[in-house]
Amino acid sequence: MKEKPLWLRRLGWLVALWAGGVAALWLVASLIRAIMHAAGMH
């Protein structure tokens, strides 16, 4: 099996980190929204 080019591996890492960051932000936003909703602040 041939080794992947370095730029392809870097691109994969970039996409993975970006997706992780987006997921974390969405999670935090959902959490804050849920807390505010529970507190009665719409």
C-alpha atoms as a PDB file:
ATOM      1  CA  MET A   1       0.000   0.000   0.000  1.00  0.00           C
ATOM      2  CA  LYS A   2       1.368   3.395  -1.038  1.00  0.00           C
ATOM      3  CA  GLU A   3       1.905   6.168   1.507  1.00  0.00           C
ATOM      4  CA  LYS A   4      -0.500   9.102   1.247  1.00  0.00           C
ATOM      5  CA  PRO A   5       0.947  12.470   0.252  1.00  0.00           C
ATOM      6  CA  LEU A   6       1.720  14.793   3.152  1.00  0.00           C
ATOM      7  CA  TRP A   7      -0.660  17.534   1.971  1.00  0.00           C
ATOM      8  CA  LEU A   8      -3.521  15.036   1.863  1.00  0.00           C
ATOM      9  CA  ARG A   9      -2.840  14.000   5.461  1.00  0.00           C
ATOM     10  CA  ARG A  10      -2.641  17.663   6.531  1.00  0.00           C
ATOM     11  CA  LEU A  11      -5.924  18.389   4.761  1.00  0.00           C
ATOM     12  CA  GLY A  12      -7.524  15.451   6.554  1.00  0.00           C
ATOM     13  CA  TRP A  13      -6.334  16.744   9.921  1.00  0.00           C
ATOM     14  CA  LEU A  14      -7.590  20.244   9.087  1.00  0.00           C
ATOM     15  CA  VAL A  15     -11.040  18.927   8.171  1.00  0.00           C
ATOM     16  CA  ALA A  16     -11.161  16.754  11.297  1.00  0.00           C
ATOM     17  CA  LEU A  17     -10.182  19.652  13.578  1.00  0.00           C
ATOM     18  CA  TRP A  18     -12.635  22.016  11.857  1.00  0.00           C
ATOM     19  CA  ALA A  19     -15.469  19.489  12.210  1.00  0.00           C
ATOM     20  CA  GLY A  20     -14.555  18.959  15.876  1.00  0.00           C
ATOM     21  CA  GLY A  21     -14.586  22.699  16.532  1.00  0.00           C
ATOM     22  CA  VAL A  22     -17.952  23.147  14.849  1.00  0.00           C
ATOM     23  CA  ALA A  23     -19.414  20.231  16.810  1.00  0.00           C
ATOM     24  CA  ALA A  24     -18.058  21.637  20.098  1.00  0.00           C
ATOM     25  CA  LEU A  25     -19.494  25.102  19.372  1.00  0.00           C
ATOM     26  CA  TRP A  26     -22.872  23.604  18.476  1.00  0.00           C
ATOM     27  CA  LEU A  27     -22.828  21.555  21.674  1.00  0.00           C
ATOM     28  CA  VAL A  28     -22.056  24.610  23.833  1.00  0.00           C
ATOM     29  CA  ALA A  29     -24.738  26.683  22.081  1.00  0.00           C
ATOM     30  CA  SER A  30     -27.322  23.933  22.559  1.00  0.00           C
ATOM     31  CA  LEU A  31     -26.378  23.611  26.219  1.00  0.00           C
ATOM     32  CA  ILE A  32     -26.745  27.364  26.830  1.00  0.00           C
ATOM     33  CA  ARG A  33     -30.078  27.394  24.988  1.00  0.00           C
ATOM     34  CA  ALA A  34     -31.323  24.457  27.080  1.00  0.00           C
ATOM     35  CA  ILE A  35     -30.247  26.148  30.337  1.00  0.00           C
ATOM     36  CA  MET A  36     -31.916  29.434  29.345  1.00  0.00           C
ATOM     37  CA  HIS A  37     -35.070  27.575  28.337  1.00  0.00           C
ATOM     38  CA  ALA A  38     -35.102  25.736  31.685  1.00  0.00           C
ATOM     39  CA  ALA A  39     -34.635  29.067  33.496  1.00  0.00           C
ATOM     40  CA  GLY A  40     -37.663  30.472  31.664  1.00  0.00           C
ATOM     41  CA  MET A  41     -35.676  32.976  29.569  1.00  0.00           C
ATOM     42  CA  HIS A  42     -36.778  32.680  25.939  1.00  0.00           C
END
